[in-house]
């Protein structure tokens, strides 16, 4: 068992020993979802005041609305959320490369068969060159989707990893 696995096991034992929230309802109590980046420097619960059971938190590379759409539809249509808070962040790795760069590193590290698979799946890594514009673009993508009702409240934010502050963009 790896050190990480041992930590998961020990932490789970400690957490579950005093766990009292097993009766929370499946839908989020405050009927919203937060879409943010998978970056390890972001703690959505702490940074955005989310208590257990309050909200859905969707995390992916770059807080991509395109990548999260399936989960957004499930959250809203099956579990009743009515608001989306999209939060990208400063220092995001998605600002540092283009698709061609990602394809090249995959080829270097995993070989041509892996690149062939990327091409067959038409995988777009969804990088972006400018942070505020990327927030606006993803908010617009959600607003334009027929899968998200116009009644859904939507906002776009930037979290500053350097300060812990969050500022509204849209």
N, C-alpha and C. Protein backbone atom coordinates (compact mmCIF):
# COMPACT_ATOMS: atom_id res chain seq x y z
N UNK A 1 0.85 -1.17 0.00
CA UNK A 1 0.00 0.00 0.00
C UNK A 1 0.90 1.24 0.00
N UNK A 2 0.59 2.19 -0.88
CA UNK A 2 1.40 3.40 -0.96
C UNK A 2 1.16 4.31 0.23
N UNK A 3 2.02 5.29 0.42
CA UNK A 3 1.87 6.25 1.50
C UNK A 3 0.56 7.04 1.35
N UNK A 4 0.21 7.36 0.12
CA UNK A 4 -1.04 8.08 -0.13
C UNK A 4 -2.24 7.21 0.28
N UNK A 5 -2.21 5.94 -0.11
CA UNK A 5 -3.31 5.03 0.25
C UNK A 5 -3.41 4.86 1.77
N UNK A 6 -2.27 4.77 2.43
CA UNK A 6 -2.28 4.67 3.90
C UNK A 6 -2.89 5.92 4.52
N UNK A 7 -2.57 7.09 3.95
CA UNK A 7 -3.13 8.33 4.46
C UNK A 7 -4.65 8.37 4.26
N UNK A 8 -5.13 7.91 3.09
CA UNK A 8 -6.57 7.87 2.84
C UNK A 8 -7.24 6.97 3.87
N UNK A 9 -6.67 5.82 4.10
CA UNK A 9 -7.25 4.88 5.05
C UNK A 9 -7.29 5.46 6.47
N UNK A 10 -6.18 6.03 6.92
CA UNK A 10 -6.11 6.60 8.27
C UNK A 10 -7.02 7.81 8.41
N UNK A 11 -7.03 8.66 7.41
CA UNK A 11 -7.88 9.86 7.47
C UNK A 11 -9.35 9.47 7.46
N UNK A 12 -9.70 8.48 6.68
CA UNK A 12 -11.08 8.01 6.63
C UNK A 12 -11.52 7.46 7.99
N UNK A 13 -10.65 6.71 8.61
CA UNK A 13 -10.97 6.15 9.93
C UNK A 13 -11.19 7.26 10.95
N UNK A 14 -10.34 8.27 10.93
CA UNK A 14 -10.46 9.40 11.85
C UNK A 14 -11.73 10.20 11.58
N UNK A 15 -11.98 10.50 10.30
CA UNK A 15 -13.15 11.29 9.90
C UNK A 15 -14.45 10.57 10.25
N UNK A 16 -14.52 9.30 9.91
CA UNK A 16 -15.76 8.55 10.12
C UNK A 16 -16.05 8.30 11.60
N UNK A 17 -15.02 8.34 12.44
CA UNK A 17 -15.21 8.10 13.87
C UNK A 17 -16.13 9.13 14.51
N UNK A 18 -16.13 10.36 13.98
CA UNK A 18 -17.00 11.40 14.55
C UNK A 18 -18.00 11.95 13.53
N UNK A 19 -18.19 11.23 12.42
CA UNK A 19 -19.08 11.68 11.35
C UNK A 19 -20.54 11.60 11.78
N UNK A 20 -21.26 12.72 11.60
CA UNK A 20 -22.67 12.77 12.02
C UNK A 20 -23.59 13.30 10.92
N UNK A 21 -23.09 13.37 9.69
CA UNK A 21 -23.87 13.99 8.61
C UNK A 21 -24.41 12.98 7.61
N UNK A 22 -24.54 11.74 8.00
CA UNK A 22 -24.99 10.70 7.09
C UNK A 22 -26.44 10.81 6.66
N UNK A 23 -27.18 11.71 7.28
CA UNK A 23 -28.60 11.85 6.94
C UNK A 23 -28.87 13.03 6.00
N UNK A 24 -27.83 13.66 5.46
CA UNK A 24 -28.03 14.77 4.53
C UNK A 24 -28.76 14.28 3.28
N UNK A 25 -29.61 15.13 2.74
CA UNK A 25 -30.35 14.79 1.53
C UNK A 25 -29.42 14.75 0.32
N UNK A 26 -29.80 14.00 -0.71
CA UNK A 26 -29.01 13.91 -1.93
C UNK A 26 -28.89 15.25 -2.66
N UNK A 27 -30.00 15.98 -2.89
CA UNK A 27 -29.84 17.28 -3.56
C UNK A 27 -29.14 18.28 -2.64
N UNK A 28 -28.35 19.17 -3.22
CA UNK A 28 -27.67 20.16 -2.38
C UNK A 28 -28.67 21.12 -1.73
N UNK A 29 -28.52 21.34 -0.45
CA UNK A 29 -29.48 22.12 0.34
C UNK A 29 -29.65 23.55 -0.16
N UNK A 30 -28.57 24.16 -0.64
CA UNK A 30 -28.65 25.55 -1.07
C UNK A 30 -28.87 25.68 -2.58
N UNK A 31 -29.07 24.56 -3.24
CA UNK A 31 -29.47 24.50 -4.66
C UNK A 31 -28.54 25.24 -5.62
N UNK A 32 -27.24 25.12 -5.40
CA UNK A 32 -26.29 25.71 -6.35
C UNK A 32 -25.13 24.77 -6.57
N UNK A 33 -24.40 25.06 -7.64
CA UNK A 33 -23.18 24.31 -7.90
C UNK A 33 -22.04 25.28 -8.17
N UNK A 34 -20.87 24.86 -7.80
CA UNK A 34 -19.65 25.60 -8.05
C UNK A 34 -18.83 24.79 -9.04
N UNK A 35 -18.45 25.44 -10.13
CA UNK A 35 -17.55 24.82 -11.10
C UNK A 35 -16.21 25.52 -10.95
N UNK A 36 -15.21 24.78 -10.55
CA UNK A 36 -13.88 25.36 -10.36
C UNK A 36 -12.81 24.40 -10.85
N UNK A 37 -11.59 24.86 -10.79
CA UNK A 37 -10.46 24.09 -11.30
C UNK A 37 -10.05 22.99 -10.32
N UNK A 38 -9.39 21.98 -10.86
CA UNK A 38 -8.89 20.89 -10.04
C UNK A 38 -7.59 21.24 -9.31
N UNK A 39 -7.08 22.45 -9.53
CA UNK A 39 -5.82 22.89 -8.94
C UNK A 39 -5.79 22.62 -7.43
N UNK A 40 -4.74 22.01 -6.97
CA UNK A 40 -4.62 21.62 -5.57
C UNK A 40 -4.50 22.81 -4.61
N UNK A 41 -4.28 24.00 -5.15
CA UNK A 41 -4.18 25.19 -4.29
C UNK A 41 -5.53 25.80 -3.97
N UNK A 42 -6.61 25.22 -4.49
CA UNK A 42 -7.95 25.73 -4.23
C UNK A 42 -8.70 24.76 -3.32
N UNK A 43 -9.18 25.27 -2.21
CA UNK A 43 -10.05 24.51 -1.31
C UNK A 43 -11.43 25.15 -1.42
N UNK A 44 -12.30 24.65 -2.30
CA UNK A 44 -13.58 25.31 -2.53
C UNK A 44 -14.42 25.50 -1.27
N UNK A 45 -14.44 24.52 -0.40
CA UNK A 45 -15.24 24.65 0.82
C UNK A 45 -14.77 25.82 1.66
N UNK A 46 -13.50 25.93 1.86
CA UNK A 46 -12.94 27.03 2.65
C UNK A 46 -13.04 28.37 1.93
N UNK A 47 -12.64 28.38 0.67
CA UNK A 47 -12.56 29.64 -0.07
C UNK A 47 -13.93 30.24 -0.37
N UNK A 48 -14.94 29.38 -0.57
CA UNK A 48 -16.25 29.87 -1.00
C UNK A 48 -17.35 29.62 0.03
N UNK A 49 -16.98 29.20 1.24
CA UNK A 49 -17.95 29.05 2.32
C UNK A 49 -18.97 27.95 2.09
N UNK A 50 -18.52 26.82 1.60
CA UNK A 50 -19.44 25.71 1.32
C UNK A 50 -19.38 24.70 2.46
N UNK A 51 -20.51 24.49 3.09
CA UNK A 51 -20.62 23.46 4.13
C UNK A 51 -21.04 22.15 3.47
N UNK A 52 -20.75 21.04 4.13
CA UNK A 52 -21.14 19.73 3.63
C UNK A 52 -22.65 19.71 3.39
N UNK A 53 -23.05 19.31 2.19
CA UNK A 53 -24.45 19.23 1.84
C UNK A 53 -25.03 20.48 1.19
N UNK A 54 -24.27 21.58 1.17
CA UNK A 54 -24.77 22.85 0.62
C UNK A 54 -24.87 22.86 -0.90
N UNK A 55 -23.82 22.39 -1.58
CA UNK A 55 -23.69 22.61 -3.01
C UNK A 55 -22.95 21.46 -3.68
N UNK A 56 -23.15 21.35 -4.98
CA UNK A 56 -22.31 20.47 -5.78
C UNK A 56 -21.04 21.24 -6.13
N UNK A 57 -19.93 20.55 -6.11
CA UNK A 57 -18.67 21.14 -6.54
C UNK A 57 -18.14 20.27 -7.68
N UNK A 58 -18.02 20.90 -8.84
CA UNK A 58 -17.49 20.22 -10.03
C UNK A 58 -16.09 20.77 -10.26
N UNK A 59 -15.13 19.89 -10.36
CA UNK A 59 -13.74 20.31 -10.57
C UNK A 59 -13.17 19.62 -11.80
N UNK A 60 -12.52 20.42 -12.63
CA UNK A 60 -11.80 19.87 -13.77
C UNK A 60 -10.69 20.84 -14.14
N UNK A 61 -9.84 20.43 -15.04
CA UNK A 61 -8.72 21.27 -15.46
C UNK A 61 -9.25 22.56 -16.09
N UNK A 62 -8.97 23.68 -15.47
CA UNK A 62 -9.36 24.98 -15.99
C UNK A 62 -10.77 25.41 -15.70
N UNK A 63 -11.51 24.67 -14.89
CA UNK A 63 -12.92 24.99 -14.61
C UNK A 63 -13.69 25.13 -15.92
N UNK A 64 -13.53 24.17 -16.80
CA UNK A 64 -14.12 24.22 -18.13
C UNK A 64 -15.60 23.88 -18.12
N UNK A 65 -16.42 24.81 -18.62
CA UNK A 65 -17.86 24.57 -18.74
C UNK A 65 -18.13 23.48 -19.78
N UNK A 66 -17.34 23.45 -20.84
CA UNK A 66 -17.50 22.43 -21.88
C UNK A 66 -17.31 21.05 -21.26
N UNK A 67 -16.28 20.90 -20.48
CA UNK A 67 -15.95 19.63 -19.84
C UNK A 67 -16.98 19.26 -18.77
N UNK A 68 -17.61 20.25 -18.15
CA UNK A 68 -18.52 20.02 -17.02
C UNK A 68 -19.98 19.92 -17.40
N UNK A 69 -20.32 20.13 -18.65
CA UNK A 69 -21.72 20.23 -19.03
C UNK A 69 -22.56 19.03 -18.60
N UNK A 70 -22.04 17.84 -18.76
CA UNK A 70 -22.77 16.64 -18.35
C UNK A 70 -23.14 16.70 -16.86
N UNK A 71 -22.19 17.08 -16.03
CA UNK A 71 -22.45 17.18 -14.59
C UNK A 71 -23.40 18.33 -14.25
N UNK A 72 -23.29 19.43 -15.00
CA UNK A 72 -24.20 20.56 -14.79
C UNK A 72 -25.64 20.13 -15.06
N UNK A 73 -25.86 19.42 -16.15
CA UNK A 73 -27.21 18.96 -16.50
C UNK A 73 -27.74 18.03 -15.42
N UNK A 74 -26.93 17.10 -14.95
CA UNK A 74 -27.35 16.19 -13.89
C UNK A 74 -27.70 16.97 -12.63
N UNK A 75 -26.84 17.92 -12.26
CA UNK A 75 -27.06 18.72 -11.05
C UNK A 75 -28.38 19.48 -11.11
N UNK A 76 -28.65 20.08 -12.26
CA UNK A 76 -29.86 20.90 -12.39
C UNK A 76 -31.11 20.08 -12.67
N UNK A 77 -31.04 19.21 -13.64
CA UNK A 77 -32.25 18.51 -14.07
C UNK A 77 -32.66 17.38 -13.12
N UNK A 78 -31.69 16.71 -12.53
CA UNK A 78 -32.01 15.59 -11.65
C UNK A 78 -31.95 15.93 -10.17
N UNK A 79 -31.19 16.97 -9.82
CA UNK A 79 -30.99 17.24 -8.40
C UNK A 79 -31.36 18.66 -7.97
N UNK A 80 -31.95 19.43 -8.89
CA UNK A 80 -32.62 20.66 -8.52
C UNK A 80 -31.80 21.91 -8.27
N UNK A 81 -30.55 21.95 -8.71
CA UNK A 81 -29.80 23.19 -8.51
C UNK A 81 -30.32 24.28 -9.45
N UNK A 82 -30.23 25.53 -8.99
CA UNK A 82 -30.78 26.66 -9.75
C UNK A 82 -29.77 27.79 -9.95
N UNK A 83 -28.54 27.55 -9.52
CA UNK A 83 -27.51 28.58 -9.68
C UNK A 83 -26.16 27.94 -9.95
N UNK A 84 -25.37 28.62 -10.79
CA UNK A 84 -24.02 28.16 -11.11
C UNK A 84 -23.04 29.28 -10.78
N UNK A 85 -22.01 28.94 -10.03
CA UNK A 85 -20.91 29.84 -9.73
C UNK A 85 -19.67 29.24 -10.38
N UNK A 86 -19.19 29.89 -11.45
CA UNK A 86 -18.02 29.41 -12.18
C UNK A 86 -16.80 30.18 -11.68
N UNK A 87 -15.76 29.46 -11.24
CA UNK A 87 -14.58 30.11 -10.67
C UNK A 87 -13.31 29.56 -11.30
N UNK A 88 -12.65 30.38 -12.11
CA UNK A 88 -11.31 30.06 -12.62
C UNK A 88 -10.31 30.71 -11.66
N UNK A 89 -9.01 30.60 -11.94
CA UNK A 89 -8.04 31.15 -10.97
C UNK A 89 -6.76 31.63 -11.63
N UNK A 90 -6.08 32.50 -10.91
CA UNK A 90 -4.78 32.98 -11.36
C UNK A 90 -3.78 31.83 -11.32
N UNK A 91 -2.77 31.94 -12.15
CA UNK A 91 -1.72 30.93 -12.15
C UNK A 91 -2.17 29.57 -12.65
N UNK A 92 -3.25 29.54 -13.41
CA UNK A 92 -3.79 28.26 -13.91
C UNK A 92 -2.87 27.67 -14.97
N UNK A 93 -2.66 26.38 -14.89
CA UNK A 93 -1.84 25.70 -15.87
C UNK A 93 -2.42 25.78 -17.27
N UNK A 94 -3.73 25.97 -17.39
CA UNK A 94 -4.36 26.04 -18.71
C UNK A 94 -3.96 27.29 -19.47
N UNK A 95 -3.34 28.24 -18.78
CA UNK A 95 -2.83 29.46 -19.40
C UNK A 95 -1.45 29.26 -20.02
N UNK A 96 -0.84 28.10 -19.77
CA UNK A 96 0.58 27.92 -20.08
C UNK A 96 0.88 27.11 -21.34
N UNK A 97 -0.14 26.60 -22.01
CA UNK A 97 0.12 25.75 -23.17
C UNK A 97 -1.00 25.86 -24.19
N UNK A 98 -0.76 25.27 -25.36
CA UNK A 98 -1.76 25.13 -26.42
C UNK A 98 -1.98 23.64 -26.65
N UNK A 99 -3.02 23.30 -27.36
CA UNK A 99 -3.30 21.89 -27.65
C UNK A 99 -2.11 21.18 -28.27
N UNK A 100 -1.43 21.88 -29.20
CA UNK A 100 -0.28 21.27 -29.87
C UNK A 100 0.80 20.86 -28.86
N UNK A 101 0.98 21.70 -27.83
CA UNK A 101 1.97 21.39 -26.79
C UNK A 101 1.58 20.13 -26.02
N UNK A 102 0.30 20.02 -25.68
CA UNK A 102 -0.18 18.85 -24.94
C UNK A 102 -0.04 17.58 -25.78
N UNK A 103 -0.39 17.68 -27.06
CA UNK A 103 -0.24 16.52 -27.94
C UNK A 103 1.23 16.11 -28.04
N UNK A 104 2.12 17.09 -28.11
CA UNK A 104 3.56 16.79 -28.23
C UNK A 104 4.09 16.10 -26.98
N UNK A 105 3.67 16.55 -25.80
CA UNK A 105 4.17 15.93 -24.57
C UNK A 105 3.61 14.53 -24.40
N UNK A 106 2.36 14.34 -24.83
CA UNK A 106 1.79 12.99 -24.79
C UNK A 106 2.58 12.07 -25.72
N UNK A 107 2.90 12.56 -26.91
CA UNK A 107 3.67 11.73 -27.83
C UNK A 107 5.04 11.42 -27.27
N UNK A 108 5.70 12.41 -26.68
CA UNK A 108 7.03 12.20 -26.10
C UNK A 108 6.98 11.18 -24.96
N UNK A 109 5.99 11.31 -24.10
CA UNK A 109 5.94 10.46 -22.90
C UNK A 109 5.25 9.12 -23.11
N UNK A 110 4.27 9.08 -24.02
CA UNK A 110 3.45 7.87 -24.15
C UNK A 110 3.51 7.23 -25.53
N UNK A 111 4.08 7.96 -26.49
CA UNK A 111 4.27 7.38 -27.82
C UNK A 111 3.16 7.70 -28.81
N UNK A 112 3.41 7.33 -30.06
CA UNK A 112 2.48 7.67 -31.14
C UNK A 112 1.10 7.02 -31.01
N UNK A 113 1.00 5.85 -30.41
CA UNK A 113 -0.31 5.22 -30.25
C UNK A 113 -1.21 6.06 -29.35
N UNK A 114 -0.62 6.68 -28.35
CA UNK A 114 -1.40 7.54 -27.46
C UNK A 114 -1.90 8.78 -28.20
N UNK A 115 -1.06 9.35 -29.04
CA UNK A 115 -1.47 10.51 -29.84
C UNK A 115 -2.55 10.10 -30.82
N UNK A 116 -2.43 8.92 -31.39
CA UNK A 116 -3.48 8.43 -32.30
C UNK A 116 -4.81 8.34 -31.56
N UNK A 117 -4.77 7.91 -30.32
CA UNK A 117 -6.00 7.84 -29.53
C UNK A 117 -6.56 9.24 -29.27
N UNK A 118 -5.69 10.20 -28.94
CA UNK A 118 -6.14 11.58 -28.76
C UNK A 118 -6.84 12.09 -30.02
N UNK A 119 -6.22 11.83 -31.15
CA UNK A 119 -6.78 12.28 -32.43
C UNK A 119 -8.11 11.58 -32.73
N UNK A 120 -8.16 10.28 -32.48
CA UNK A 120 -9.39 9.52 -32.74
C UNK A 120 -10.55 10.04 -31.88
N UNK A 121 -10.22 10.45 -30.66
CA UNK A 121 -11.24 10.98 -29.75
C UNK A 121 -11.43 12.49 -29.92
N UNK A 122 -10.62 13.07 -30.82
CA UNK A 122 -10.68 14.51 -31.07
C UNK A 122 -10.60 15.30 -29.76
N UNK A 123 -9.67 14.91 -28.91
CA UNK A 123 -9.57 15.51 -27.58
C UNK A 123 -8.99 16.92 -27.64
N UNK A 124 -9.75 17.85 -27.13
CA UNK A 124 -9.32 19.23 -26.97
C UNK A 124 -9.01 19.43 -25.50
N UNK A 125 -7.81 19.86 -25.18
CA UNK A 125 -7.43 20.06 -23.79
C UNK A 125 -8.03 21.35 -23.21
N UNK A 126 -8.63 22.16 -24.06
CA UNK A 126 -9.35 23.37 -23.67
C UNK A 126 -8.48 24.39 -22.93
N UNK A 127 -7.25 24.62 -23.40
CA UNK A 127 -6.44 25.66 -22.78
C UNK A 127 -7.00 27.04 -23.15
N UNK A 128 -6.55 28.07 -22.44
CA UNK A 128 -7.00 29.42 -22.76
C UNK A 128 -5.86 30.40 -22.52
N UNK A 129 -5.79 31.47 -23.35
CA UNK A 129 -4.66 32.41 -23.24
C UNK A 129 -4.88 33.58 -22.29
N UNK A 130 -6.14 33.86 -21.92
CA UNK A 130 -6.42 35.04 -21.08
C UNK A 130 -7.52 34.68 -20.09
N UNK A 131 -7.27 34.93 -18.82
CA UNK A 131 -8.13 34.46 -17.74
C UNK A 131 -9.53 35.06 -17.74
N UNK A 132 -9.65 36.37 -17.69
CA UNK A 132 -10.98 36.99 -17.61
C UNK A 132 -11.81 36.66 -18.85
N UNK A 133 -11.18 36.63 -20.00
CA UNK A 133 -11.90 36.28 -21.23
C UNK A 133 -12.38 34.84 -21.18
N UNK A 134 -11.59 33.97 -20.59
CA UNK A 134 -11.99 32.56 -20.47
C UNK A 134 -13.20 32.43 -19.56
N UNK A 135 -13.25 33.21 -18.48
CA UNK A 135 -14.43 33.20 -17.60
C UNK A 135 -15.65 33.64 -18.40
N UNK A 136 -15.53 34.75 -19.11
CA UNK A 136 -16.65 35.27 -19.90
C UNK A 136 -17.09 34.26 -20.97
N UNK A 137 -16.14 33.62 -21.61
CA UNK A 137 -16.44 32.64 -22.67
C UNK A 137 -17.20 31.44 -22.09
N UNK A 138 -16.77 30.95 -20.93
CA UNK A 138 -17.44 29.79 -20.34
C UNK A 138 -18.84 30.16 -19.83
N UNK A 139 -18.99 31.35 -19.27
CA UNK A 139 -20.32 31.79 -18.84
C UNK A 139 -21.23 31.89 -20.06
N UNK A 140 -20.73 32.47 -21.14
CA UNK A 140 -21.51 32.59 -22.38
C UNK A 140 -21.87 31.21 -22.92
N UNK A 141 -20.95 30.26 -22.84
CA UNK A 141 -21.22 28.89 -23.30
C UNK A 141 -22.39 28.28 -22.53
N UNK A 142 -22.40 28.46 -21.23
CA UNK A 142 -23.49 27.93 -20.41
C UNK A 142 -24.79 28.65 -20.74
N UNK A 143 -24.73 29.96 -20.85
CA UNK A 143 -25.94 30.73 -21.17
C UNK A 143 -26.54 30.34 -22.52
N UNK A 144 -25.70 30.01 -23.47
CA UNK A 144 -26.16 29.66 -24.81
C UNK A 144 -26.68 28.23 -24.92
N UNK A 145 -26.38 27.41 -23.94
CA UNK A 145 -26.77 26.01 -24.01
C UNK A 145 -28.27 25.84 -23.78
N UNK A 146 -28.89 25.05 -24.64
CA UNK A 146 -30.31 24.70 -24.47
C UNK A 146 -30.49 23.73 -23.30
N UNK A 147 -29.39 23.19 -22.80
CA UNK A 147 -29.43 22.25 -21.69
C UNK A 147 -29.49 22.93 -20.33
N UNK A 148 -29.29 24.24 -20.31
CA UNK A 148 -29.33 25.00 -19.06
C UNK A 148 -30.43 26.05 -19.20
N UNK A 149 -31.47 25.96 -18.39
CA UNK A 149 -32.59 26.90 -18.51
C UNK A 149 -32.17 28.35 -18.26
N UNK A 150 -32.87 29.27 -18.91
CA UNK A 150 -32.59 30.70 -18.72
C UNK A 150 -32.83 31.14 -17.28
N UNK A 151 -33.63 30.39 -16.54
CA UNK A 151 -33.94 30.74 -15.15
C UNK A 151 -32.77 30.52 -14.20
N UNK A 152 -31.74 29.81 -14.65
CA UNK A 152 -30.58 29.52 -13.80
C UNK A 152 -29.76 30.79 -13.60
N UNK A 153 -29.46 31.11 -12.38
CA UNK A 153 -28.60 32.25 -12.05
C UNK A 153 -27.17 31.82 -12.30
N UNK A 154 -26.41 32.69 -12.97
CA UNK A 154 -25.06 32.33 -13.38
C UNK A 154 -24.10 33.49 -13.13
N UNK A 155 -22.95 33.19 -12.56
CA UNK A 155 -21.92 34.21 -12.37
C UNK A 155 -20.55 33.60 -12.63
N UNK A 156 -19.58 34.47 -12.96
CA UNK A 156 -18.22 34.03 -13.24
C UNK A 156 -17.23 34.82 -12.41
N UNK A 157 -16.25 34.13 -11.86
CA UNK A 157 -15.32 34.69 -10.89
C UNK A 157 -13.89 34.28 -11.18
N UNK A 158 -12.94 35.00 -10.58
CA UNK A 158 -11.53 34.61 -10.58
C UNK A 158 -11.05 34.55 -9.14
N UNK A 159 -10.51 33.41 -8.76
CA UNK A 159 -9.90 33.22 -7.45
C UNK A 159 -8.41 33.49 -7.60
N UNK A 160 -7.87 34.30 -6.71
CA UNK A 160 -6.44 34.62 -6.72
C UNK A 160 -5.70 33.67 -5.78
N UNK A 161 -4.92 32.75 -6.36
CA UNK A 161 -4.21 31.78 -5.52
C UNK A 161 -3.17 32.46 -4.64
N UNK A 162 -2.74 33.64 -5.05
CA UNK A 162 -1.71 34.35 -4.29
C UNK A 162 -2.26 34.99 -3.01
N UNK A 163 -3.55 35.37 -3.02
CA UNK A 163 -4.12 36.11 -1.89
C UNK A 163 -5.30 35.41 -1.22
N UNK A 164 -5.92 34.46 -1.93
CA UNK A 164 -7.12 33.82 -1.41
C UNK A 164 -8.40 34.60 -1.70
N UNK A 165 -8.29 35.73 -2.37
CA UNK A 165 -9.45 36.56 -2.68
C UNK A 165 -10.12 36.09 -3.97
N UNK A 166 -11.42 36.33 -4.06
CA UNK A 166 -12.18 36.01 -5.25
C UNK A 166 -12.84 37.28 -5.75
N UNK A 167 -12.72 37.54 -7.06
CA UNK A 167 -13.34 38.74 -7.63
C UNK A 167 -14.30 38.33 -8.74
N UNK A 168 -15.40 39.06 -8.82
CA UNK A 168 -16.40 38.77 -9.84
C UNK A 168 -15.99 39.35 -11.19
N UNK A 169 -16.15 38.57 -12.24
CA UNK A 169 -15.87 38.99 -13.61
C UNK A 169 -17.18 39.23 -14.36
N UNK A 170 -18.12 38.31 -14.22
CA UNK A 170 -19.43 38.38 -14.89
C UNK A 170 -20.50 38.10 -13.87
